[in-house]
Amino acid sequence: MRKLMIAVATVTGLALTAGCSKRNEAQDERQDLAQAQQEAQKDMAEIRQEAAEDRADIQREEQEEVAEAQQDVAEQRQDVAEADSALAAESGSLAAGSTVQGRVQSTLGNSLVLIVPGNANAELKLKTDDKTRVTENNRAVELDDFNEGTEVRASFVKDGDDMVARDVVILSPVMDK
């Protein structure tokens, strides 16, 4: 009986040891899984951060390219306006059907008065009508949006005794104080 009890105790001990061993293995595997999940989350966070930085870099580069292109366009507009002003100065007067660049002296109702440099600072009075396009950065604006001193480029035609603006583009607005 004693031998039987010893045998039962031995088998029970072995079973407990085997169960503990399996429990330890399962616990180790759970820990390994949790660690792998943490590492995967960390890797994903790093990938997301890198992607966000890459997007920011691309947006910054695109903005720089757009700014450079806008600067080039502004310089070309300036060159055209200077050439137009020089041509007008050479001819001694502003020709109908031309384009000028100048600063707004005043706006009243449907009229616009410009000071045109390079032509003895000539004063040019333009009428506007329903065909006149007034824009800033390719966006329609109202004639009332102009402040004194705003730099504009205006294309106009002669209509009877009047000079009628067809396109008026704000080149550099005067900021309100």
N, C-alpha and C. Protein backbone atom coordinates (compact mmCIF):
# COMPACT_ATOMS: atom_id res chain seq x y z
N MET A 1 0.82 -1.15 0.00
CA MET A 1 0.00 0.00 0.00
C MET A 1 0.88 1.24 0.00
N ARG A 2 1.91 1.10 0.76
CA ARG A 2 2.86 2.21 0.80
C ARG A 2 3.43 2.44 -0.59
N LYS A 3 3.77 1.37 -1.26
CA LYS A 3 4.33 1.50 -2.60
C LYS A 3 3.31 2.13 -3.55
N LEU A 4 2.07 1.74 -3.32
CA LEU A 4 1.01 2.29 -4.15
C LEU A 4 0.87 3.79 -3.90
N MET A 5 0.93 4.21 -2.68
CA MET A 5 0.82 5.62 -2.33
C MET A 5 2.02 6.40 -2.89
N ILE A 6 3.17 5.80 -2.81
CA ILE A 6 4.37 6.46 -3.35
C ILE A 6 4.22 6.59 -4.86
N ALA A 7 3.73 5.55 -5.49
CA ALA A 7 3.56 5.59 -6.94
C ALA A 7 2.53 6.64 -7.33
N VAL A 8 1.42 6.73 -6.57
CA VAL A 8 0.38 7.72 -6.86
C VAL A 8 0.95 9.12 -6.65
N ALA A 9 1.70 9.32 -5.56
CA ALA A 9 2.30 10.63 -5.29
C ALA A 9 3.29 11.01 -6.37
N THR A 10 4.05 10.05 -6.85
CA THR A 10 5.04 10.30 -7.91
C THR A 10 4.33 10.69 -9.20
N VAL A 11 3.29 9.94 -9.55
CA VAL A 11 2.54 10.24 -10.79
C VAL A 11 1.88 11.61 -10.66
N THR A 12 1.32 11.92 -9.51
CA THR A 12 0.68 13.21 -9.29
C THR A 12 1.71 14.33 -9.40
N GLY A 13 2.86 14.14 -8.82
CA GLY A 13 3.93 15.14 -8.91
C GLY A 13 4.38 15.36 -10.33
N LEU A 14 4.50 14.24 -11.06
CA LEU A 14 4.90 14.37 -12.47
C LEU A 14 3.82 15.10 -13.28
N ALA A 15 2.57 14.80 -12.99
CA ALA A 15 1.47 15.46 -13.70
C ALA A 15 1.45 16.95 -13.39
N LEU A 16 1.66 17.29 -12.12
CA LEU A 16 1.71 18.70 -11.74
C LEU A 16 2.88 19.40 -12.40
N THR A 17 4.02 18.73 -12.42
CA THR A 17 5.20 19.30 -13.05
C THR A 17 4.95 19.50 -14.54
N ALA A 18 4.36 18.53 -15.19
CA ALA A 18 4.06 18.65 -16.61
C ALA A 18 3.06 19.76 -16.85
N GLY A 19 2.04 19.87 -15.98
CA GLY A 19 1.04 20.94 -16.11
C GLY A 19 1.67 22.30 -15.91
N CYS A 20 2.54 22.44 -14.94
CA CYS A 20 3.24 23.71 -14.69
C CYS A 20 4.12 24.07 -15.86
N SER A 21 4.77 23.06 -16.39
CA SER A 21 5.65 23.29 -17.52
C SER A 21 4.85 23.81 -18.71
N LYS A 22 3.68 23.21 -18.96
CA LYS A 22 2.83 23.65 -20.07
C LYS A 22 2.27 25.04 -19.79
N ARG A 23 1.94 25.30 -18.52
CA ARG A 23 1.44 26.60 -18.13
C ARG A 23 2.53 27.66 -18.35
N ASN A 24 3.75 27.33 -17.98
CA ASN A 24 4.87 28.25 -18.18
C ASN A 24 5.10 28.51 -19.67
N GLU A 25 5.01 27.46 -20.47
CA GLU A 25 5.18 27.63 -21.91
C GLU A 25 4.09 28.54 -22.49
N ALA A 26 2.85 28.33 -22.05
CA ALA A 26 1.74 29.15 -22.54
C ALA A 26 1.93 30.60 -22.11
N GLN A 27 2.36 30.79 -20.89
CA GLN A 27 2.59 32.15 -20.40
C GLN A 27 3.73 32.81 -21.17
N ASP A 28 4.79 32.06 -21.44
CA ASP A 28 5.91 32.60 -22.23
C ASP A 28 5.44 32.99 -23.63
N GLU A 29 4.60 32.14 -24.21
CA GLU A 29 4.10 32.46 -25.56
C GLU A 29 3.20 33.69 -25.54
N ARG A 30 2.39 33.87 -24.49
CA ARG A 30 1.57 35.07 -24.36
C ARG A 30 2.46 36.32 -24.26
N GLN A 31 3.50 36.21 -23.47
CA GLN A 31 4.43 37.34 -23.33
C GLN A 31 5.11 37.65 -24.66
N ASP A 32 5.53 36.60 -25.36
CA ASP A 32 6.16 36.79 -26.68
C ASP A 32 5.18 37.47 -27.64
N LEU A 33 3.92 37.04 -27.60
CA LEU A 33 2.90 37.63 -28.46
C LEU A 33 2.68 39.10 -28.11
N ALA A 34 2.58 39.40 -26.82
CA ALA A 34 2.37 40.79 -26.39
C ALA A 34 3.55 41.66 -26.81
N GLN A 35 4.75 41.12 -26.67
CA GLN A 35 5.95 41.88 -27.07
C GLN A 35 5.96 42.09 -28.58
N ALA A 36 5.59 41.07 -29.34
CA ALA A 36 5.53 41.21 -30.81
C ALA A 36 4.49 42.24 -31.21
N GLN A 37 3.34 42.25 -30.51
CA GLN A 37 2.31 43.25 -30.82
C GLN A 37 2.81 44.66 -30.51
N GLN A 38 3.50 44.83 -29.40
CA GLN A 38 4.06 46.15 -29.05
C GLN A 38 5.07 46.60 -30.10
N GLU A 39 5.93 45.69 -30.52
CA GLU A 39 6.92 46.03 -31.54
C GLU A 39 6.24 46.39 -32.87
N ALA A 40 5.19 45.66 -33.22
CA ALA A 40 4.46 45.95 -34.46
C ALA A 40 3.79 47.32 -34.37
N GLN A 41 3.20 47.66 -33.21
CA GLN A 41 2.58 48.97 -33.03
C GLN A 41 3.62 50.08 -33.11
N LYS A 42 4.78 49.83 -32.51
CA LYS A 42 5.86 50.82 -32.57
C LYS A 42 6.33 51.02 -34.01
N ASP A 43 6.49 49.91 -34.75
CA ASP A 43 6.89 49.99 -36.15
C ASP A 43 5.86 50.75 -36.98
N MET A 44 4.57 50.48 -36.74
CA MET A 44 3.51 51.17 -37.47
C MET A 44 3.52 52.66 -37.15
N ALA A 45 3.74 53.00 -35.88
CA ALA A 45 3.80 54.41 -35.50
C ALA A 45 4.97 55.11 -36.20
N GLU A 46 6.11 54.43 -36.28
CA GLU A 46 7.27 55.01 -36.97
C GLU A 46 6.98 55.18 -38.46
N ILE A 47 6.33 54.20 -39.06
CA ILE A 47 5.99 54.28 -40.49
C ILE A 47 5.03 55.43 -40.73
N ARG A 48 4.03 55.58 -39.86
CA ARG A 48 3.08 56.68 -40.00
C ARG A 48 3.79 58.03 -39.86
N GLN A 49 4.69 58.13 -38.90
CA GLN A 49 5.44 59.37 -38.69
C GLN A 49 6.28 59.71 -39.92
N GLU A 50 6.97 58.70 -40.45
CA GLU A 50 7.78 58.93 -41.66
C GLU A 50 6.90 59.36 -42.83
N ALA A 51 5.74 58.71 -42.98
CA ALA A 51 4.82 59.08 -44.07
C ALA A 51 4.33 60.51 -43.90
N ALA A 52 4.01 60.90 -42.67
CA ALA A 52 3.56 62.28 -42.42
C ALA A 52 4.68 63.27 -42.73
N GLU A 53 5.90 62.94 -42.36
CA GLU A 53 7.03 63.82 -42.67
C GLU A 53 7.25 63.91 -44.17
N ASP A 54 7.12 62.78 -44.87
CA ASP A 54 7.26 62.78 -46.33
C ASP A 54 6.19 63.66 -46.98
N ARG A 55 4.93 63.53 -46.50
CA ARG A 55 3.85 64.36 -47.04
C ARG A 55 4.13 65.83 -46.79
N ALA A 56 4.60 66.15 -45.60
CA ALA A 56 4.91 67.55 -45.28
C ALA A 56 6.02 68.07 -46.19
N ASP A 57 7.04 67.26 -46.43
CA ASP A 57 8.13 67.67 -47.32
C ASP A 57 7.61 67.91 -48.74
N ILE A 58 6.77 67.02 -49.21
CA ILE A 58 6.22 67.17 -50.57
C ILE A 58 5.37 68.43 -50.65
N GLN A 59 4.53 68.68 -49.65
CA GLN A 59 3.69 69.88 -49.66
C GLN A 59 4.55 71.13 -49.62
N ARG A 60 5.60 71.12 -48.82
CA ARG A 60 6.49 72.27 -48.73
C ARG A 60 7.17 72.53 -50.08
N GLU A 61 7.63 71.46 -50.73
CA GLU A 61 8.26 71.61 -52.04
C GLU A 61 7.25 72.14 -53.07
N GLU A 62 6.03 71.62 -53.04
CA GLU A 62 5.01 72.09 -53.98
C GLU A 62 4.71 73.57 -53.75
N GLN A 63 4.60 73.97 -52.48
CA GLN A 63 4.33 75.37 -52.17
C GLN A 63 5.47 76.27 -52.66
N GLU A 64 6.71 75.80 -52.50
CA GLU A 64 7.85 76.58 -52.98
C GLU A 64 7.80 76.72 -54.49
N GLU A 65 7.46 75.62 -55.19
CA GLU A 65 7.37 75.67 -56.64
C GLU A 65 6.27 76.61 -57.10
N VAL A 66 5.12 76.57 -56.42
CA VAL A 66 4.01 77.47 -56.76
C VAL A 66 4.43 78.92 -56.52
N ALA A 67 5.10 79.18 -55.41
CA ALA A 67 5.53 80.54 -55.10
C ALA A 67 6.53 81.04 -56.14
N GLU A 68 7.44 80.17 -56.56
CA GLU A 68 8.40 80.55 -57.60
C GLU A 68 7.69 80.84 -58.92
N ALA A 69 6.72 80.01 -59.27
CA ALA A 69 5.97 80.23 -60.51
C ALA A 69 5.19 81.54 -60.44
N GLN A 70 4.58 81.82 -59.28
CA GLN A 70 3.84 83.07 -59.13
C GLN A 70 4.79 84.27 -59.22
N GLN A 71 5.98 84.13 -58.66
CA GLN A 71 6.97 85.20 -58.74
C GLN A 71 7.38 85.42 -60.20
N ASP A 72 7.59 84.33 -60.93
CA ASP A 72 7.94 84.44 -62.36
C ASP A 72 6.84 85.15 -63.13
N VAL A 73 5.60 84.78 -62.87
CA VAL A 73 4.46 85.42 -63.56
C VAL A 73 4.42 86.91 -63.22
N ALA A 74 4.60 87.24 -61.94
CA ALA A 74 4.58 88.65 -61.53
C ALA A 74 5.69 89.44 -62.23
N GLU A 75 6.88 88.83 -62.31
CA GLU A 75 7.99 89.51 -63.00
C GLU A 75 7.68 89.69 -64.48
N GLN A 76 7.09 88.69 -65.11
CA GLN A 76 6.75 88.81 -66.52
C GLN A 76 5.67 89.88 -66.73
N ARG A 77 4.70 89.93 -65.82
CA ARG A 77 3.67 90.97 -65.91
C ARG A 77 4.31 92.35 -65.78
N GLN A 78 5.24 92.46 -64.86
CA GLN A 78 5.94 93.74 -64.67
C GLN A 78 6.69 94.13 -65.94
N ASP A 79 7.36 93.16 -66.54
CA ASP A 79 8.10 93.43 -67.77
C ASP A 79 7.14 93.90 -68.88
N VAL A 80 6.00 93.23 -69.01
CA VAL A 80 5.02 93.61 -70.03
C VAL A 80 4.49 95.02 -69.75
N ALA A 81 4.19 95.29 -68.50
CA ALA A 81 3.67 96.60 -68.14
C ALA A 81 4.70 97.69 -68.41
N GLU A 82 5.96 97.42 -68.09
CA GLU A 82 7.01 98.40 -68.35
C GLU A 82 7.17 98.63 -69.85
N ALA A 83 7.09 97.55 -70.62
CA ALA A 83 7.19 97.69 -72.07
C ALA A 83 6.01 98.50 -72.61
N ASP A 84 4.80 98.23 -72.09
CA ASP A 84 3.63 98.99 -72.52
C ASP A 84 3.77 100.47 -72.14
N SER A 85 4.25 100.71 -70.94
CA SER A 85 4.43 102.10 -70.50
C SER A 85 5.47 102.81 -71.35
N ALA A 86 6.57 102.10 -71.66
CA ALA A 86 7.61 102.70 -72.50
C ALA A 86 7.06 103.00 -73.89
N LEU A 87 6.28 102.10 -74.42
CA LEU A 87 5.68 102.32 -75.74
C LEU A 87 4.75 103.51 -75.71
N ALA A 88 3.95 103.60 -74.66
CA ALA A 88 3.02 104.73 -74.54
C ALA A 88 3.79 106.03 -74.38
N ALA A 89 4.90 106.00 -73.64
CA ALA A 89 5.70 107.21 -73.44
C ALA A 89 6.33 107.64 -74.76
N GLU A 90 6.78 106.67 -75.54
CA GLU A 90 7.39 106.99 -76.83
C GLU A 90 6.38 107.62 -77.77
N SER A 91 5.16 107.13 -77.72
CA SER A 91 4.15 107.65 -78.64
C SER A 91 3.57 108.96 -78.14
N GLY A 92 3.84 109.29 -76.88
CA GLY A 92 3.39 110.57 -76.34
C GLY A 92 2.00 110.55 -75.79
N SER A 93 1.25 109.50 -76.01
CA SER A 93 -0.08 109.40 -75.43
C SER A 93 -0.44 107.93 -75.32
N LEU A 94 -1.48 107.68 -74.60
CA LEU A 94 -1.95 106.31 -74.44
C LEU A 94 -2.87 105.97 -75.60
N ALA A 95 -2.57 104.90 -76.26
CA ALA A 95 -3.36 104.50 -77.42
C ALA A 95 -4.56 103.69 -76.97
N ALA A 96 -5.67 103.90 -77.67
CA ALA A 96 -6.87 103.10 -77.38
C ALA A 96 -6.58 101.66 -77.75
N GLY A 97 -7.17 100.76 -77.03
CA GLY A 97 -6.95 99.34 -77.32
C GLY A 97 -5.62 98.86 -76.78
N SER A 98 -5.12 99.49 -75.74
CA SER A 98 -3.84 99.07 -75.19
C SER A 98 -3.99 98.63 -73.75
N THR A 99 -2.87 98.28 -73.17
CA THR A 99 -2.83 97.85 -71.77
C THR A 99 -1.82 98.72 -71.05
N VAL A 100 -2.19 99.15 -69.85
CA VAL A 100 -1.29 99.97 -69.05
C VAL A 100 -1.22 99.41 -67.64
N GLN A 101 -0.16 99.79 -66.96
CA GLN A 101 -0.04 99.45 -65.56
C GLN A 101 0.10 100.75 -64.79
N GLY A 102 -0.61 100.85 -63.69
CA GLY A 102 -0.54 102.07 -62.91
C GLY A 102 -1.12 101.86 -61.53
N ARG A 103 -1.23 102.96 -60.81
CA ARG A 103 -1.77 102.91 -59.45
C ARG A 103 -3.13 103.61 -59.44
N VAL A 104 -4.05 103.04 -58.68
CA VAL A 104 -5.40 103.60 -58.59
C VAL A 104 -5.33 104.92 -57.84
N GLN A 105 -5.86 105.96 -58.48
CA GLN A 105 -5.98 107.25 -57.80
C GLN A 105 -7.34 107.31 -57.11
N SER A 106 -8.39 106.84 -57.85
CA SER A 106 -9.72 106.85 -57.25
C SER A 106 -10.64 105.93 -58.04
N THR A 107 -11.72 105.54 -57.37
CA THR A 107 -12.82 104.82 -58.02
C THR A 107 -14.11 105.51 -57.59
N LEU A 108 -14.99 105.68 -58.55
CA LEU A 108 -16.27 106.31 -58.23
C LEU A 108 -17.30 105.76 -59.19
N GLY A 109 -18.29 105.07 -58.66
CA GLY A 109 -19.33 104.50 -59.51
C GLY A 109 -18.75 103.52 -60.49
N ASN A 110 -18.91 103.86 -61.79
CA ASN A 110 -18.38 102.98 -62.83
C ASN A 110 -17.14 103.57 -63.50
N SER A 111 -16.37 104.35 -62.73
CA SER A 111 -15.15 104.91 -63.32
C SER A 111 -13.96 104.61 -62.42
N LEU A 112 -12.81 104.57 -63.06
CA LEU A 112 -11.55 104.24 -62.40
C LEU A 112 -10.51 105.23 -62.92
N VAL A 113 -9.81 105.90 -62.01
CA VAL A 113 -8.77 106.85 -62.42
C VAL A 113 -7.43 106.26 -62.00
N LEU A 114 -6.53 106.12 -63.00
CA LEU A 114 -5.20 105.56 -62.77
C LEU A 114 -4.13 106.63 -62.99
N ILE A 115 -3.05 106.52 -62.23
CA ILE A 115 -1.84 107.30 -62.49
C ILE A 115 -0.88 106.34 -63.18
N VAL A 116 -0.47 106.67 -64.40
CA VAL A 116 0.38 105.80 -65.20
C VAL A 116 1.80 106.35 -65.19
N PRO A 117 2.72 105.69 -64.48
CA PRO A 117 4.11 106.17 -64.46
C PRO A 117 4.77 105.94 -65.81
N GLY A 118 5.81 106.68 -66.08
CA GLY A 118 6.53 106.52 -67.35
C GLY A 118 5.89 107.31 -68.47
N ASN A 119 4.75 107.86 -68.22
CA ASN A 119 4.07 108.68 -69.22
C ASN A 119 3.79 110.02 -68.54
N ALA A 120 4.84 110.58 -67.94
CA ALA A 120 4.76 111.83 -67.20
C ALA A 120 3.67 111.74 -66.12
N ASN A 121 3.58 110.55 -65.54
CA ASN A 121 2.55 110.29 -64.51
C ASN A 121 1.17 110.74 -64.98
N ALA A 122 0.85 110.33 -66.21
CA ALA A 122 -0.43 110.72 -66.80
C ALA A 122 -1.59 110.12 -66.01
N GLU A 123 -2.66 110.88 -66.00
CA GLU A 123 -3.89 110.44 -65.36
C GLU A 123 -4.76 109.82 -66.44
N LEU A 124 -5.19 108.59 -66.23
CA LEU A 124 -6.01 107.89 -67.21
C LEU A 124 -7.37 107.59 -66.58
N LYS A 125 -8.43 108.10 -67.20
CA LYS A 125 -9.78 107.88 -66.70
C LYS A 125 -10.42 106.79 -67.54
N LEU A 126 -10.81 105.71 -66.87
CA LEU A 126 -11.45 104.59 -67.55
C LEU A 126 -12.86 104.41 -67.04
N LYS A 127 -13.76 104.11 -67.94
CA LYS A 127 -15.13 103.75 -67.58
C LYS A 127 -15.19 102.23 -67.48
N THR A 128 -16.14 101.74 -66.73
CA THR A 128 -16.38 100.29 -66.68
C THR A 128 -17.82 100.03 -67.08
N ASP A 129 -18.05 98.84 -67.62
CA ASP A 129 -19.41 98.45 -67.97
C ASP A 129 -19.60 96.97 -67.63
N ASP A 130 -20.68 96.40 -68.11
CA ASP A 130 -20.97 95.00 -67.75
C ASP A 130 -20.01 94.01 -68.41
N LYS A 131 -19.20 94.45 -69.36
CA LYS A 131 -18.22 93.58 -70.00
C LYS A 131 -16.85 93.66 -69.32
N THR A 132 -16.69 94.60 -68.40
CA THR A 132 -15.41 94.77 -67.72
C THR A 132 -15.21 93.64 -66.71
N ARG A 133 -14.05 92.98 -66.81
CA ARG A 133 -13.69 91.93 -65.84
C ARG A 133 -12.69 92.52 -64.86
N VAL A 134 -12.98 92.39 -63.57
CA VAL A 134 -12.11 92.89 -62.52
C VAL A 134 -11.69 91.68 -61.69
N THR A 135 -10.37 91.41 -61.63
CA THR A 135 -9.89 90.20 -60.95
C THR A 135 -8.67 90.47 -60.09
N GLU A 136 -8.48 89.56 -59.14
CA GLU A 136 -7.27 89.51 -58.32
C GLU A 136 -6.95 88.03 -58.13
N ASN A 137 -5.75 87.62 -58.55
CA ASN A 137 -5.34 86.20 -58.47
C ASN A 137 -6.37 85.31 -59.15
N ASN A 138 -6.82 85.71 -60.34
CA ASN A 138 -7.79 84.96 -61.15
C ASN A 138 -9.12 84.78 -60.45
N ARG A 139 -9.45 85.66 -59.52
CA ARG A 139 -10.70 85.60 -58.76
C ARG A 139 -11.41 86.93 -58.98
N ALA A 140 -12.70 86.87 -59.33
CA ALA A 140 -13.47 88.09 -59.59
C ALA A 140 -13.60 88.91 -58.31
N VAL A 141 -13.39 90.22 -58.43
CA VAL A 141 -13.57 91.14 -57.30
C VAL A 141 -14.39 92.33 -57.80
N GLU A 142 -14.82 93.14 -56.88
CA GLU A 142 -15.60 94.32 -57.21
C GLU A 142 -14.68 95.54 -57.33
N LEU A 143 -15.08 96.51 -58.11
CA LEU A 143 -14.32 97.74 -58.26
C LEU A 143 -14.19 98.44 -56.91
N ASP A 144 -15.18 98.26 -56.05
CA ASP A 144 -15.13 98.87 -54.73
C ASP A 144 -14.02 98.28 -53.86
N ASP A 145 -13.47 97.10 -54.23
CA ASP A 145 -12.40 96.47 -53.46
C ASP A 145 -11.06 97.18 -53.64
N PHE A 146 -10.99 98.10 -54.60
CA PHE A 146 -9.74 98.80 -54.88
C PHE A 146 -9.55 99.92 -53.87
N ASN A 147 -8.34 100.06 -53.37
CA ASN A 147 -7.98 101.18 -52.51
C ASN A 147 -7.06 102.12 -53.29
N GLU A 148 -6.97 103.34 -52.86
CA GLU A 148 -6.04 104.28 -53.48
C GLU A 148 -4.63 103.72 -53.33
N GLY A 149 -3.88 103.72 -54.43
CA GLY A 149 -2.51 103.21 -54.41
C GLY A 149 -2.39 101.77 -54.86
N THR A 150 -3.51 101.07 -55.05
CA THR A 150 -3.47 99.69 -55.52
C THR A 150 -2.87 99.66 -56.92
N GLU A 151 -1.90 98.76 -57.12
CA GLU A 151 -1.28 98.64 -58.43
C GLU A 151 -2.12 97.69 -59.30
N VAL A 152 -2.46 98.16 -60.51
CA VAL A 152 -3.31 97.38 -61.41
C VAL A 152 -2.73 97.39 -62.82
N ARG A 153 -3.20 96.43 -63.61
CA ARG A 153 -2.94 96.42 -65.05
C ARG A 153 -4.32 96.47 -65.69
N ALA A 154 -4.51 97.40 -66.59
CA ALA A 154 -5.83 97.59 -67.20
C ALA A 154 -5.71 97.55 -68.73
N SER A 155 -6.57 96.76 -69.34
CA SER A 155 -6.71 96.74 -70.79
C SER A 155 -7.99 97.51 -71.11
N PHE A 156 -7.92 98.36 -72.13
CA PHE A 156 -9.08 99.20 -72.42
C PHE A 156 -9.21 99.43 -73.91
N VAL A 157 -10.41 99.85 -74.30
CA VAL A 157 -10.71 100.18 -75.70
C VAL A 157 -11.39 101.54 -75.73
N LYS A 158 -11.33 102.16 -76.89
CA LYS A 158 -12.01 103.44 -77.05
C LYS A 158 -13.44 103.17 -77.50
N ASP A 159 -14.38 103.82 -76.82
CA ASP A 159 -15.80 103.68 -77.15
C ASP A 159 -16.37 105.08 -77.20
N GLY A 160 -16.44 105.62 -78.41
CA GLY A 160 -16.87 107.02 -78.56
C GLY A 160 -15.78 107.91 -77.97
N ASP A 161 -16.17 108.78 -77.03
CA ASP A 161 -15.20 109.66 -76.38
C ASP A 161 -14.60 109.02 -75.13
N ASP A 162 -15.11 107.87 -74.74
CA ASP A 162 -14.67 107.24 -73.49
C ASP A 162 -13.64 106.14 -73.75
N MET A 163 -12.80 105.93 -72.74
CA MET A 163 -11.91 104.77 -72.70
C MET A 163 -12.59 103.79 -71.74
N VAL A 164 -12.91 102.59 -72.24
CA VAL A 164 -13.67 101.62 -71.45
C VAL A 164 -12.76 100.44 -71.11
N ALA A 165 -12.67 100.17 -69.82
CA ALA A 165 -11.83 99.06 -69.34
C ALA A 165 -12.48 97.73 -69.71
N ARG A 166 -11.68 96.81 -70.21
CA ARG A 166 -12.15 95.46 -70.51
C ARG A 166 -11.66 94.48 -69.43
N ASP A 167 -10.40 94.59 -69.02
CA ASP A 167 -9.83 93.76 -67.97
C ASP A 167 -9.05 94.66 -67.02
N VAL A 168 -9.33 94.52 -65.74
CA VAL A 168 -8.57 95.23 -64.72
C VAL A 168 -8.11 94.17 -63.72
N VAL A 169 -6.79 94.05 -63.56
CA VAL A 169 -6.22 93.03 -62.69
C VAL A 169 -5.45 93.70 -61.57
N ILE A 170 -5.79 93.35 -60.34
CA ILE A 170 -5.02 93.86 -59.19
C ILE A 170 -3.71 93.11 -59.15
N LEU A 171 -2.60 93.85 -59.23
CA LEU A 171 -1.27 93.23 -59.18
C LEU A 171 -0.72 93.21 -57.76
N SER A 172 -0.86 94.31 -57.06
CA SER A 172 -0.42 94.34 -55.65
C SER A 172 -1.34 95.27 -54.90
N PRO A 173 -2.23 94.67 -54.10
CA PRO A 173 -3.20 95.48 -53.38
C PRO A 173 -2.54 96.26 -52.24
N VAL A 174 -3.12 97.38 -51.91
CA VAL A 174 -2.69 98.16 -50.75
C VAL A 174 -3.48 97.62 -49.58
N MET A 175 -2.79 97.20 -48.53
CA MET A 175 -3.47 96.62 -47.37
C MET A 175 -4.10 97.74 -46.55
N ASP A 176 -5.32 97.48 -46.05
CA ASP A 176 -5.97 98.43 -45.15
C ASP A 176 -5.20 98.47 -43.85
N LYS A 177 -5.11 99.64 -43.26
CA LYS A 177 -4.37 99.77 -42.00
C LYS A 177 -5.28 99.61 -40.83
